[in-house]
Amino acid sequence: MKQYILRRLLSIIPVLLLVSMISFSLVLLTGDPVKAILGSETDLETIERTRQQLGLDQPIHIQYLKWLGRVLQGDLGYSFQNKQPVMEAILQRFPVTVWLNVVTLAITIIIGIPAGLISALKRNSPVDFLTSVISLIGVTMPNFFLAIILIYIFSIGLNWLPPSGYVDPLQDPIAGFKSLLMPAITLGTAEAASIARMTRSSAQQVLAKPYITTAKAKGLPQKLIITRHLIKNSMIPVTTMLGMLIGISFGGAVVTETIFSLPGLGRLVVNSILARDFPMVQGTIIVLSLAFLLSNLIVDILYAYLDPRIRY
């Protein structure tokens, strides 16, 4: 297991290198950051001097190699906007995105897995049909549209939840949970629907296995069959999807955090792109990519617990 984890960690390096090259190239193609910082009416001499100070007058491959050398030393550079260290800005906003993803994951698991199991156990029943319809709606509904509906109902109509803003759950758990609930539902609805569909499919395959038939023939209670045989054996593909969805939710937070004004990494990326703050964009993309890769590594490790037959 240790060798497998080490190999997986080493395999992350070339992936991050590829991501960094692509993001670095695409960001530089979006426009001139110097004009975005100084304004289009600034004289050419000032623009060229600022470009030299920022190192943007050099060829793109030289800029990339210098940036990569600093990254390998733990230095993500400084923001073009406010001269703040990129790492400092990321560390300030990272907990917001983590809290959002934790609540989103809880909603996904609490809703998606039970719904899929019930649907599988009640196959071809009205409950199964209703669950399938709701799951289809959840998968196809755009996040921004669902966010608008939630704000209209729970903030404007019922005045139960704040329409925007963030409160640290460690400082005020109730207010913090309220500030994260609608964004988490916005992200978690599609994820819960996907998990419900995957759980239903996986559980139906397990229910058709001979050991389930044997357990029923032995007269074991259905509750025991579900808890001992069905749930654990149907969770491997579900766990795979959960790992992917955790990584995707980090990227999906870009839209959700912007709509609900959460000061997380997603909103930081949007603001940095609009301001052409290249170091901030590149540093944030690297951190989000690393979070996605590590979440998939954790899922692979969980396989051995879910199925002891799996060996690495």
C-alpha atoms as a PDB file:
ATOM      1  CA  MET A   1       0.000   0.000   0.000  1.00  0.00           C
ATOM      2  CA  LYS A   2       2.807   2.423   0.864  1.00  0.00           C
ATOM      3  CA  GLN A   3       4.487   1.825  -2.486  1.00  0.00           C
ATOM      4  CA  TYR A   4       1.197   2.354  -4.287  1.00  0.00           C
ATOM      5  CA  ILE A   5       0.582   5.665  -2.475  1.00  0.00           C
ATOM      6  CA  LEU A   6       4.127   6.779  -3.267  1.00  0.00           C
ATOM      7  CA  ARG A   7       3.682   5.938  -6.962  1.00  0.00           C
ATOM      8  CA  ARG A   8       0.389   7.821  -7.061  1.00  0.00           C
ATOM      9  CA  LEU A   9       1.951  10.849  -5.397  1.00  0.00           C
ATOM     10  CA  LEU A  10       4.791  10.800  -7.922  1.00  0.00           C
ATOM     11  CA  SER A  11       2.293  10.530 -10.790  1.00  0.00           C
ATOM     12  CA  ILE A  12       0.703  13.788  -9.621  1.00  0.00           C
ATOM     13  CA  ILE A  13       3.857  15.707 -10.585  1.00  0.00           C
ATOM     14  CA  PRO A  14       3.624  15.352 -14.408  1.00  0.00           C
ATOM     15  CA  VAL A  15      -0.121  16.054 -14.274  1.00  0.00           C
ATOM     16  CA  LEU A  16       0.460  19.297 -12.367  1.00  0.00           C
ATOM     17  CA  LEU A  17       3.221  20.242 -14.803  1.00  0.00           C
ATOM     18  CA  LEU A  18       0.885  19.764 -17.739  1.00  0.00           C
ATOM     19  CA  VAL A  19      -1.883  21.735 -16.013  1.00  0.00           C
ATOM     20  CA  SER A  20       0.544  24.542 -15.205  1.00  0.00           C
ATOM     21  CA  MET A  21       1.771  24.779 -18.808  1.00  0.00           C
ATOM     22  CA  ILE A  22      -1.750  24.863 -20.220  1.00  0.00           C
ATOM     23  CA  SER A  23      -3.043  27.387 -17.680  1.00  0.00           C
ATOM     24  CA  PHE A  24       0.061  29.580 -18.048  1.00  0.00           C
ATOM     25  CA  SER A  25      -0.312  29.698 -21.823  1.00  0.00           C
ATOM     26  CA  LEU A  26      -4.071  30.310 -21.807  1.00  0.00           C
ATOM     27  CA  VAL A  27      -3.870  33.045 -19.188  1.00  0.00           C
ATOM     28  CA  LEU A  28      -1.253  34.982 -21.155  1.00  0.00           C
ATOM     29  CA  LEU A  29      -3.472  34.795 -24.251  1.00  0.00           C
ATOM     30  CA  THR A  30      -6.384  36.572 -22.523  1.00  0.00           C
ATOM     31  CA  GLY A  31      -4.858  40.038 -22.903  1.00  0.00           C
ATOM     32  CA  ASP A  32      -2.262  42.472 -21.640  1.00  0.00           C
ATOM     33  CA  PRO A  33      -2.318  42.607 -17.816  1.00  0.00           C
ATOM     34  CA  VAL A  34      -0.300  45.844 -17.770  1.00  0.00           C
ATOM     35  CA  LYS A  35      -3.041  47.760 -19.570  1.00  0.00           C
ATOM     36  CA  ALA A  36      -5.594  46.218 -17.233  1.00  0.00           C
ATOM     37  CA  ILE A  37      -3.576  47.438 -14.236  1.00  0.00           C
ATOM     38  CA  LEU A  38      -2.636  50.906 -15.493  1.00  0.00           C
ATOM     39  CA  GLY A  39      -5.551  51.615 -17.802  1.00  0.00           C
ATOM     40  CA  SER A  40      -5.672  52.007 -21.557  1.00  0.00           C
ATOM     41  CA  GLU A  41      -4.934  55.747 -21.418  1.00  0.00           C
ATOM     42  CA  THR A  42      -1.495  55.322 -19.803  1.00  0.00           C
ATOM     43  CA  ASP A  43       1.447  56.440 -21.920  1.00  0.00           C
ATOM     44  CA  LEU A  44       3.515  53.790 -23.700  1.00  0.00           C
ATOM     45  CA  GLU A  45       6.696  54.531 -21.740  1.00  0.00           C
ATOM     46  CA  THR A  46       5.000  53.757 -18.415  1.00  0.00           C
ATOM     47  CA  ILE A  47       3.405  50.626 -19.861  1.00  0.00           C
ATOM     48  CA  GLU A  48       6.751  49.310 -21.135  1.00  0.00           C
ATOM     49  CA  ARG A  49       8.508  50.109 -17.865  1.00  0.00           C
ATOM     50  CA  THR A  50       5.837  48.299 -15.865  1.00  0.00           C
ATOM     51  CA  ARG A  51       5.975  45.347 -18.251  1.00  0.00           C
ATOM     52  CA  GLN A  52       9.729  45.062 -17.658  1.00  0.00           C
ATOM     53  CA  GLN A  53       9.277  45.295 -13.888  1.00  0.00           C
ATOM     54  CA  LEU A  54       6.762  42.427 -13.963  1.00  0.00           C
ATOM     55  CA  GLY A  55       8.936  40.354 -16.302  1.00  0.00           C
ATOM     56  CA  LEU A  56       6.259  40.273 -19.007  1.00  0.00           C
ATOM     57  CA  ASP A  57       8.609  41.543 -21.704  1.00  0.00           C
ATOM     58  CA  GLN A  58      10.408  38.188 -21.878  1.00  0.00           C
ATOM     59  CA  PRO A  59       9.442  35.224 -24.112  1.00  0.00           C
ATOM     60  CA  ILE A  60       6.655  33.071 -22.737  1.00  0.00           C
ATOM     61  CA  HIS A  61       8.848  30.010 -22.158  1.00  0.00           C
ATOM     62  CA  ILE A  62      11.312  32.095 -20.120  1.00  0.00           C
ATOM     63  CA  GLN A  63       8.458  33.507 -18.056  1.00  0.00           C
ATOM     64  CA  TYR A  64       7.127  30.001 -17.447  1.00  0.00           C
ATOM     65  CA  LEU A  65      10.479  28.531 -16.405  1.00  0.00           C
ATOM     66  CA  LYS A  66      11.118  31.386 -13.983  1.00  0.00           C
ATOM     67  CA  TRP A  67       7.623  31.041 -12.537  1.00  0.00           C
ATOM     68  CA  LEU A  68       8.030  27.250 -12.235  1.00  0.00           C
ATOM     69  CA  GLY A  69      11.357  27.687 -10.465  1.00  0.00           C
ATOM     70  CA  ARG A  70       9.713  29.920  -7.868  1.00  0.00           C
ATOM     71  CA  VAL A  71       6.798  27.499  -7.464  1.00  0.00           C
ATOM     72  CA  LEU A  72       9.189  24.619  -6.741  1.00  0.00           C
ATOM     73  CA  GLN A  73      10.555  26.746  -3.905  1.00  0.00           C
ATOM     74  CA  GLY A  74       7.057  27.322  -2.523  1.00  0.00           C
ATOM     75  CA  ASP A  75       6.726  30.840  -3.938  1.00  0.00           C
ATOM     76  CA  LEU A  76       3.626  31.401  -6.086  1.00  0.00           C
ATOM     77  CA  GLY A  77       4.518  35.025  -6.695  1.00  0.00           C
ATOM     78  CA  TYR A  78       2.712  38.247  -5.916  1.00  0.00           C
ATOM     79  CA  SER A  79      -0.616  39.597  -7.080  1.00  0.00           C
ATOM     80  CA  PHE A  80      -0.482  42.203  -9.838  1.00  0.00           C
ATOM     81  CA  GLN A  81      -3.413  44.014  -8.209  1.00  0.00           C
ATOM     82  CA  ASN A  82      -2.444  44.536  -4.586  1.00  0.00           C
ATOM     83  CA  LYS A  83       1.069  43.026  -4.354  1.00  0.00           C
ATOM     84  CA  GLN A  84      -0.237  40.443  -1.873  1.00  0.00           C
ATOM     85  CA  PRO A  85       1.594  37.090  -1.885  1.00  0.00           C
ATOM     86  CA  VAL A  86      -0.477  34.594  -3.868  1.00  0.00           C
ATOM     87  CA  MET A  87       0.020  31.838  -1.286  1.00  0.00           C
ATOM     88  CA  GLU A  88      -1.221  34.146   1.484  1.00  0.00           C
ATOM     89  CA  ALA A  89      -4.381  35.009  -0.476  1.00  0.00           C
ATOM     90  CA  ILE A  90      -5.046  31.333  -1.225  1.00  0.00           C
ATOM     91  CA  LEU A  91      -4.586  30.303   2.411  1.00  0.00           C
ATOM     92  CA  GLN A  92      -7.028  33.013   3.485  1.00  0.00           C
ATOM     93  CA  ARG A  93      -9.742  31.842   1.108  1.00  0.00           C
ATOM     94  CA  PHE A  94      -9.111  28.109   1.041  1.00  0.00           C
ATOM     95  CA  PRO A  95     -11.041  27.369   4.288  1.00  0.00           C
ATOM     96  CA  VAL A  96     -14.192  28.932   2.787  1.00  0.00           C
ATOM     97  CA  THR A  97     -14.081  26.584  -0.199  1.00  0.00           C
ATOM     98  CA  VAL A  98     -13.287  23.616   2.049  1.00  0.00           C
ATOM     99  CA  TRP A  99     -16.276  24.355   4.310  1.00  0.00           C
ATOM    100  CA  LEU A 100     -18.517  24.715   1.256  1.00  0.00           C
ATOM    101  CA  ASN A 101     -17.357  21.356  -0.074  1.00  0.00           C
ATOM    102  CA  VAL A 102     -17.765  19.650   3.301  1.00  0.00           C
ATOM    103  CA  VAL A 103     -21.404  20.751   3.569  1.00  0.00           C
ATOM    104  CA  THR A 104     -21.954  19.877  -0.102  1.00  0.00           C
ATOM    105  CA  LEU A 105     -20.510  16.396   0.428  1.00  0.00           C
ATOM    106  CA  ALA A 106     -22.730  15.858   3.470  1.00  0.00           C
ATOM    107  CA  ILE A 107     -25.829  16.836   1.484  1.00  0.00           C
ATOM    108  CA  THR A 108     -24.749  14.608  -1.409  1.00  0.00           C
ATOM    109  CA  ILE A 109     -24.257  11.548   0.802  1.00  0.00           C
ATOM    110  CA  ILE A 110     -27.310  12.076   3.036  1.00  0.00           C
ATOM    111  CA  ILE A 111     -29.665  12.498   0.069  1.00  0.00           C
ATOM    112  CA  GLY A 112     -28.048  10.550  -2.767  1.00  0.00           C
ATOM    113  CA  ILE A 113     -27.130   7.205  -1.202  1.00  0.00           C
ATOM    114  CA  PRO A 114     -30.419   6.539   0.685  1.00  0.00           C
ATOM    115  CA  ALA A 115     -32.440   7.629  -2.358  1.00  0.00           C
ATOM    116  CA  GLY A 116     -30.511   5.244  -4.602  1.00  0.00           C
ATOM    117  CA  LEU A 117     -30.820   2.327  -2.170  1.00  0.00           C
ATOM    118  CA  ILE A 118     -34.571   2.844  -1.706  1.00  0.00           C
ATOM    119  CA  SER A 119     -35.021   3.101  -5.456  1.00  0.00           C
ATOM    120  CA  ALA A 120     -33.112  -0.162  -5.981  1.00  0.00           C
ATOM    121  CA  LEU A 121     -35.073  -2.002  -3.267  1.00  0.00           C
ATOM    122  CA  LYS A 122     -38.380  -0.676  -4.670  1.00  0.00           C
ATOM    123  CA  ARG A 123     -37.504  -1.356  -8.285  1.00  0.00           C
ATOM    124  CA  ASN A 124     -40.208  -0.485 -10.862  1.00  0.00           C
ATOM    125  CA  SER A 125     -42.429   0.947  -8.123  1.00  0.00           C
ATOM    126  CA  PRO A 126     -43.856   4.494  -7.955  1.00  0.00           C
ATOM    127  CA  VAL A 127     -41.066   5.358  -5.509  1.00  0.00           C
ATOM    128  CA  ASP A 128     -38.460   4.207  -8.027  1.00  0.00           C
ATOM    129  CA  PHE A 129     -40.117   6.207 -10.796  1.00  0.00           C
ATOM    130  CA  LEU A 130     -40.338   9.350  -8.653  1.00  0.00           C
ATOM    131  CA  THR A 131     -36.709   9.047  -7.570  1.00  0.00           C
ATOM    132  CA  SER A 132     -35.587   8.617 -11.177  1.00  0.00           C
ATOM    133  CA  VAL A 133     -37.540  11.691 -12.303  1.00  0.00           C
ATOM    134  CA  ILE A 134     -36.205  13.861  -9.478  1.00  0.00           C
ATOM    135  CA  SER A 135     -32.659  12.641 -10.162  1.00  0.00           C
ATOM    136  CA  LEU A 136     -32.990  13.495 -13.836  1.00  0.00           C
ATOM    137  CA  ILE A 137     -34.213  16.998 -12.973  1.00  0.00           C
ATOM    138  CA  GLY A 138     -31.359  17.454 -10.496  1.00  0.00           C
ATOM    139  CA  VAL A 139     -28.732  16.410 -13.032  1.00  0.00           C
ATOM    140  CA  THR A 140     -30.043  18.626 -15.832  1.00  0.00           C
ATOM    141  CA  MET A 141     -30.843  21.797 -13.852  1.00  0.00           C
ATOM    142  CA  PRO A 142     -28.107  24.468 -14.199  1.00  0.00           C
ATOM    143  CA  ASN A 143     -26.496  25.575 -10.944  1.00  0.00           C
ATOM    144  CA  PHE A 144     -27.054  29.286 -11.517  1.00  0.00           C
ATOM    145  CA  PHE A 145     -30.771  28.748 -12.182  1.00  0.00           C
ATOM    146  CA  LEU A 146     -31.198  26.677  -9.021  1.00  0.00           C
ATOM    147  CA  ALA A 147     -29.293  29.333  -7.050  1.00  0.00           C
ATOM    148  CA  ILE A 148     -31.700  32.041  -8.238  1.00  0.00           C
ATOM    149  CA  ILE A 149     -34.712  29.903  -7.253  1.00  0.00           C
ATOM    150  CA  LEU A 150     -33.276  29.210  -3.796  1.00  0.00           C
ATOM    151  CA  ILE A 151     -32.524  32.885  -3.177  1.00  0.00           C
ATOM    152  CA  TYR A 152     -36.022  33.884  -4.294  1.00  0.00           C
ATOM    153  CA  ILE A 153     -37.744  31.307  -2.060  1.00  0.00           C
ATOM    154  CA  PHE A 154     -35.618  31.126   1.096  1.00  0.00           C
ATOM    155  CA  SER A 155     -34.173  34.649   1.204  1.00  0.00           C
ATOM    156  CA  ILE A 156     -36.687  36.971  -0.439  1.00  0.00           C
ATOM    157  CA  GLY A 157     -39.867  34.977   0.158  1.00  0.00           C
ATOM    158  CA  LEU A 158     -39.401  33.247   3.525  1.00  0.00           C
ATOM    159  CA  ASN A 159     -36.438  35.276   4.845  1.00  0.00           C
ATOM    160  CA  TRP A 160     -34.957  32.130   6.402  1.00  0.00           C
ATOM    161  CA  LEU A 161     -31.451  32.250   4.942  1.00  0.00           C
ATOM    162  CA  PRO A 162     -29.077  35.089   3.992  1.00  0.00           C
ATOM    163  CA  PRO A 163     -28.922  35.686   0.215  1.00  0.00           C
ATOM    164  CA  SER A 164     -25.138  36.189   0.250  1.00  0.00           C
ATOM    165  CA  GLY A 165     -22.113  36.561   2.482  1.00  0.00           C
ATOM    166  CA  TYR A 166     -20.103  34.202   4.658  1.00  0.00           C
ATOM    167  CA  VAL A 167     -19.761  33.550   8.374  1.00  0.00           C
ATOM    168  CA  ASP A 168     -16.992  31.311   9.705  1.00  0.00           C
ATOM    169  CA  PRO A 169     -18.668  28.180  11.174  1.00  0.00           C
ATOM    170  CA  LEU A 170     -15.942  28.014  13.821  1.00  0.00           C
ATOM    171  CA  GLN A 171     -16.929  31.442  15.135  1.00  0.00           C
ATOM    172  CA  ASP A 172     -20.707  31.092  14.814  1.00  0.00           C
ATOM    173  CA  PRO A 173     -21.837  27.552  13.852  1.00  0.00           C
ATOM    174  CA  ILE A 174     -25.506  28.438  13.275  1.00  0.00           C
ATOM    175  CA  ALA A 175     -24.884  31.562  11.195  1.00  0.00           C
ATOM    176  CA  GLY A 176     -22.048  29.804   9.379  1.00  0.00           C
ATOM    177  CA  PHE A 177     -24.282  26.851   8.484  1.00  0.00           C
ATOM    178  CA  LYS A 178     -26.984  29.220   7.239  1.00  0.00           C
ATOM    179  CA  SER A 179     -24.512  31.101   5.038  1.00  0.00           C
ATOM    180  CA  LEU A 180     -23.318  27.819   3.473  1.00  0.00           C
ATOM    181  CA  LEU A 181     -26.626  25.965   3.159  1.00  0.00           C
ATOM    182  CA  MET A 182     -27.969  27.469  -0.078  1.00  0.00           C
ATOM    183  CA  PRO A 183     -24.588  27.385  -1.881  1.00  0.00           C
ATOM    184  CA  ALA A 184     -24.119  23.769  -0.752  1.00  0.00           C
ATOM    185  CA  ILE A 185     -27.609  22.810  -1.971  1.00  0.00           C
ATOM    186  CA  THR A 186     -26.851  24.507  -5.281  1.00  0.00           C
ATOM    187  CA  LEU A 187     -23.691  22.437  -5.689  1.00  0.00           C
ATOM    188  CA  GLY A 188     -25.011  19.282  -4.044  1.00  0.00           C
ATOM    189  CA  THR A 189     -28.292  18.873  -5.918  1.00  0.00           C
ATOM    190  CA  ALA A 190     -26.729  17.675  -9.158  1.00  0.00           C
ATOM    191  CA  GLU A 191     -24.156  15.634  -7.244  1.00  0.00           C
ATOM    192  CA  ALA A 192     -26.795  13.961  -5.060  1.00  0.00           C
ATOM    193  CA  ALA A 193     -28.813  13.144  -8.174  1.00  0.00           C
ATOM    194  CA  SER A 194     -25.759  11.559  -9.823  1.00  0.00           C
ATOM    195  CA  ILE A 195     -24.945   9.575  -6.685  1.00  0.00           C
ATOM    196  CA  ALA A 196     -28.565   8.385  -6.415  1.00  0.00           C
ATOM    197  CA  ARG A 197     -28.493   7.099  -9.993  1.00  0.00           C
ATOM    198  CA  MET A 198     -25.127   5.388  -9.486  1.00  0.00           C
ATOM    199  CA  THR A 199     -26.205   3.876  -6.146  1.00  0.00           C
ATOM    200  CA  ARG A 200     -29.404   2.520  -7.691  1.00  0.00           C
ATOM    201  CA  SER A 201     -27.514   0.890 -10.559  1.00  0.00           C
ATOM    202  CA  SER A 202     -24.809  -0.574  -8.314  1.00  0.00           C
ATOM    203  CA  ALA A 203     -27.291  -1.815  -5.703  1.00  0.00           C
ATOM    204  CA  GLN A 204     -29.395  -3.563  -8.350  1.00  0.00           C
ATOM    205  CA  GLN A 205     -26.308  -5.428  -9.570  1.00  0.00           C
ATOM    206  CA  VAL A 206     -25.467  -6.504  -6.013  1.00  0.00           C
ATOM    207  CA  LEU A 207     -29.054  -7.630  -5.358  1.00  0.00           C
ATOM    208  CA  ALA A 208     -28.708 -10.023  -8.290  1.00  0.00           C
ATOM    209  CA  LYS A 209     -25.593 -11.688  -6.814  1.00  0.00           C
ATOM    210  CA  PRO A 210     -25.803 -15.306  -5.554  1.00  0.00           C
ATOM    211  CA  TYR A 211     -24.774 -14.416  -1.990  1.00  0.00           C
ATOM    212  CA  ILE A 212     -27.808 -12.110  -1.676  1.00  0.00           C
ATOM    213  CA  THR A 213     -30.056 -14.961  -2.824  1.00  0.00           C
ATOM    214  CA  THR A 214     -28.352 -17.288  -0.330  1.00  0.00           C
ATOM    215  CA  ALA A 215     -28.816 -14.775   2.490  1.00  0.00           C
ATOM    216  CA  LYS A 216     -32.517 -14.505   1.694  1.00  0.00           C
ATOM    217  CA  ALA A 217     -32.842 -18.298   1.510  1.00  0.00           C
ATOM    218  CA  LYS A 218     -31.238 -18.605   4.964  1.00  0.00           C
ATOM    219  CA  GLY A 219     -33.971 -16.349   6.297  1.00  0.00           C
ATOM    220  CA  LEU A 220     -31.783 -13.408   7.251  1.00  0.00           C
ATOM    221  CA  PRO A 221     -33.780 -10.240   8.001  1.00  0.00           C
ATOM    222  CA  GLN A 222     -33.840  -7.715   5.174  1.00  0.00           C
ATOM    223  CA  LYS A 223     -32.302  -5.071   7.438  1.00  0.00           C
ATOM    224  CA  LEU A 224     -29.293  -7.324   8.050  1.00  0.00           C
ATOM    225  CA  ILE A 225     -28.944  -8.126   4.350  1.00  0.00           C
ATOM    226  CA  ILE A 226     -28.967  -4.433   3.516  1.00  0.00           C
ATOM    227  CA  THR A 227     -26.477  -3.358   6.178  1.00  0.00           C
ATOM    228  CA  ARG A 228     -24.092  -6.326   5.978  1.00  0.00           C
ATOM    229  CA  HIS A 229     -24.132  -7.227   2.288  1.00  0.00           C
ATOM    230  CA  LEU A 230     -25.852  -4.640   0.111  1.00  0.00           C
ATOM    231  CA  ILE A 231     -24.475  -1.289   1.244  1.00  0.00           C
ATOM    232  CA  LYS A 232     -20.785  -2.137   1.520  1.00  0.00           C
ATOM    233  CA  ASN A 233     -20.628  -4.159  -1.692  1.00  0.00           C
ATOM    234  CA  SER A 234     -22.420  -1.528  -3.760  1.00  0.00           C
ATOM    235  CA  MET A 235     -20.296   1.389  -2.547  1.00  0.00           C
ATOM    236  CA  ILE A 236     -17.162   0.912  -4.671  1.00  0.00           C
ATOM    237  CA  PRO A 237     -18.471   2.571  -7.865  1.00  0.00           C
ATOM    238  CA  VAL A 238     -20.308   5.120  -5.711  1.00  0.00           C
ATOM    239  CA  THR A 239     -17.067   5.976  -3.927  1.00  0.00           C
ATOM    240  CA  THR A 240     -15.362   6.446  -7.290  1.00  0.00           C
ATOM    241  CA  MET A 241     -18.019   8.934  -8.336  1.00  0.00           C
ATOM    242  CA  LEU A 242     -17.876  10.687  -4.967  1.00  0.00           C
ATOM    243  CA  GLY A 243     -14.148  11.230  -5.415  1.00  0.00           C
ATOM    244  CA  MET A 244     -14.697  12.731  -8.850  1.00  0.00           C
ATOM    245  CA  LEU A 245     -17.556  14.907  -7.605  1.00  0.00           C
ATOM    246  CA  ILE A 246     -15.431  16.276  -4.761  1.00  0.00           C
ATOM    247  CA  GLY A 247     -12.887  17.468  -7.294  1.00  0.00           C
ATOM    248  CA  ILE A 248     -15.590  18.781  -9.610  1.00  0.00           C
ATOM    249  CA  SER A 249     -17.245  20.687  -6.771  1.00  0.00           C
ATOM    250  CA  PHE A 250     -14.004  22.612  -6.223  1.00  0.00           C
ATOM    251  CA  GLY A 251     -14.318  23.796  -9.820  1.00  0.00           C
ATOM    252  CA  GLY A 252     -18.086  24.260  -9.571  1.00  0.00           C
ATOM    253  CA  ALA A 253     -17.509  26.591  -6.635  1.00  0.00           C
ATOM    254  CA  VAL A 254     -16.352  29.208  -9.154  1.00  0.00           C
ATOM    255  CA  VAL A 255     -19.938  29.982 -10.206  1.00  0.00           C
ATOM    256  CA  THR A 256     -21.595  29.261  -6.868  1.00  0.00           C
ATOM    257  CA  GLU A 257     -19.223  31.392  -4.793  1.00  0.00           C
ATOM    258  CA  THR A 258     -19.653  34.272  -7.216  1.00  0.00           C
ATOM    259  CA  ILE A 259     -23.457  34.128  -7.048  1.00  0.00           C
ATOM    260  CA  PHE A 260     -23.570  33.922  -3.239  1.00  0.00           C
ATOM    261  CA  SER A 261     -20.594  36.285  -2.666  1.00  0.00           C
ATOM    262  CA  LEU A 262     -18.547  33.722  -0.764  1.00  0.00           C
ATOM    263  CA  PRO A 263     -14.893  34.788  -0.345  1.00  0.00           C
ATOM    264  CA  GLY A 264     -13.494  31.438  -1.493  1.00  0.00           C
ATOM    265  CA  LEU A 265     -11.088  30.245  -4.160  1.00  0.00           C
ATOM    266  CA  GLY A 266     -13.776  30.174  -6.842  1.00  0.00           C
ATOM    267  CA  ARG A 267     -14.591  33.846  -6.453  1.00  0.00           C
ATOM    268  CA  LEU A 268     -10.879  34.623  -6.240  1.00  0.00           C
ATOM    269  CA  VAL A 269     -10.352  32.961  -9.633  1.00  0.00           C
ATOM    270  CA  VAL A 270     -13.182  34.943 -11.242  1.00  0.00           C
ATOM    271  CA  ASN A 271     -11.999  38.285  -9.871  1.00  0.00           C
ATOM    272  CA  SER A 272      -8.406  37.529 -10.844  1.00  0.00           C
ATOM    273  CA  ILE A 273      -9.371  36.573 -14.408  1.00  0.00           C
ATOM    274  CA  LEU A 274     -11.385  39.778 -14.825  1.00  0.00           C
ATOM    275  CA  ALA A 275      -8.434  41.803 -13.540  1.00  0.00           C
ATOM    276  CA  ARG A 276      -5.916  39.750 -15.574  1.00  0.00           C
ATOM    277  CA  ASP A 277      -4.036  39.020 -12.363  1.00  0.00           C
ATOM    278  CA  PHE A 278      -1.964  36.206 -13.868  1.00  0.00           C
ATOM    279  CA  PRO A 279      -0.013  35.035 -10.788  1.00  0.00           C
ATOM    280  CA  MET A 280      -3.206  34.745  -8.738  1.00  0.00           C
ATOM    281  CA  VAL A 281      -5.009  32.801 -11.479  1.00  0.00           C
ATOM    282  CA  GLN A 282      -2.113  30.410 -12.010  1.00  0.00           C
ATOM    283  CA  GLY A 283      -1.577  29.778  -8.309  1.00  0.00           C
ATOM    284  CA  THR A 284      -5.258  29.131  -7.663  1.00  0.00           C
ATOM    285  CA  ILE A 285      -5.549  26.728 -10.597  1.00  0.00           C
ATOM    286  CA  ILE A 286      -2.573  24.732  -9.293  1.00  0.00           C
ATOM    287  CA  VAL A 287      -4.131  24.459  -5.823  1.00  0.00           C
ATOM    288  CA  LEU A 288      -7.546  23.413  -7.195  1.00  0.00           C
ATOM    289  CA  SER A 289      -5.915  20.819  -9.468  1.00  0.00           C
ATOM    290  CA  LEU A 290      -3.925  19.425  -6.538  1.00  0.00           C
ATOM    291  CA  ALA A 291      -7.114  19.168  -4.441  1.00  0.00           C
ATOM    292  CA  PHE A 292      -8.804  17.206  -7.245  1.00  0.00           C
ATOM    293  CA  LEU A 293      -5.887  14.782  -7.610  1.00  0.00           C
ATOM    294  CA  LEU A 294      -5.591  14.175  -3.867  1.00  0.00           C
ATOM    295  CA  SER A 295      -9.322  13.509  -3.539  1.00  0.00           C
ATOM    296  CA  ASN A 296      -9.034  10.775  -6.161  1.00  0.00           C
ATOM    297  CA  LEU A 297      -6.042   9.294  -4.333  1.00  0.00           C
ATOM    298  CA  ILE A 298      -8.058   9.111  -1.103  1.00  0.00           C
ATOM    299  CA  VAL A 299     -10.841   7.321  -2.969  1.00  0.00           C
ATOM    300  CA  ASP A 300      -8.412   4.703  -4.290  1.00  0.00           C
ATOM    301  CA  ILE A 301      -7.170   4.066  -0.758  1.00  0.00           C
ATOM    302  CA  LEU A 302     -10.745   3.624   0.478  1.00  0.00           C
ATOM    303  CA  TYR A 303     -11.243   0.776  -2.007  1.00  0.00           C
ATOM    304  CA  ALA A 304      -9.166  -1.560   0.154  1.00  0.00           C
ATOM    305  CA  TYR A 305     -11.457  -0.915   3.102  1.00  0.00           C
ATOM    306  CA  LEU A 306     -14.653  -1.396   1.121  1.00  0.00           C
ATOM    307  CA  ASP A 307     -13.446  -4.596  -0.562  1.00  0.00           C
ATOM    308  CA  PRO A 308     -10.679  -6.561   1.226  1.00  0.00           C
ATOM    309  CA  ARG A 309     -10.111  -8.541  -1.968  1.00  0.00           C
ATOM    310  CA  ILE A 310      -8.557  -5.478  -3.567  1.00  0.00           C
ATOM    311  CA  ARG A 311      -4.782  -5.413  -3.314  1.00  0.00           C
ATOM    312  CA  TYR A 312      -2.393  -2.834  -4.740  1.00  0.00           C
END
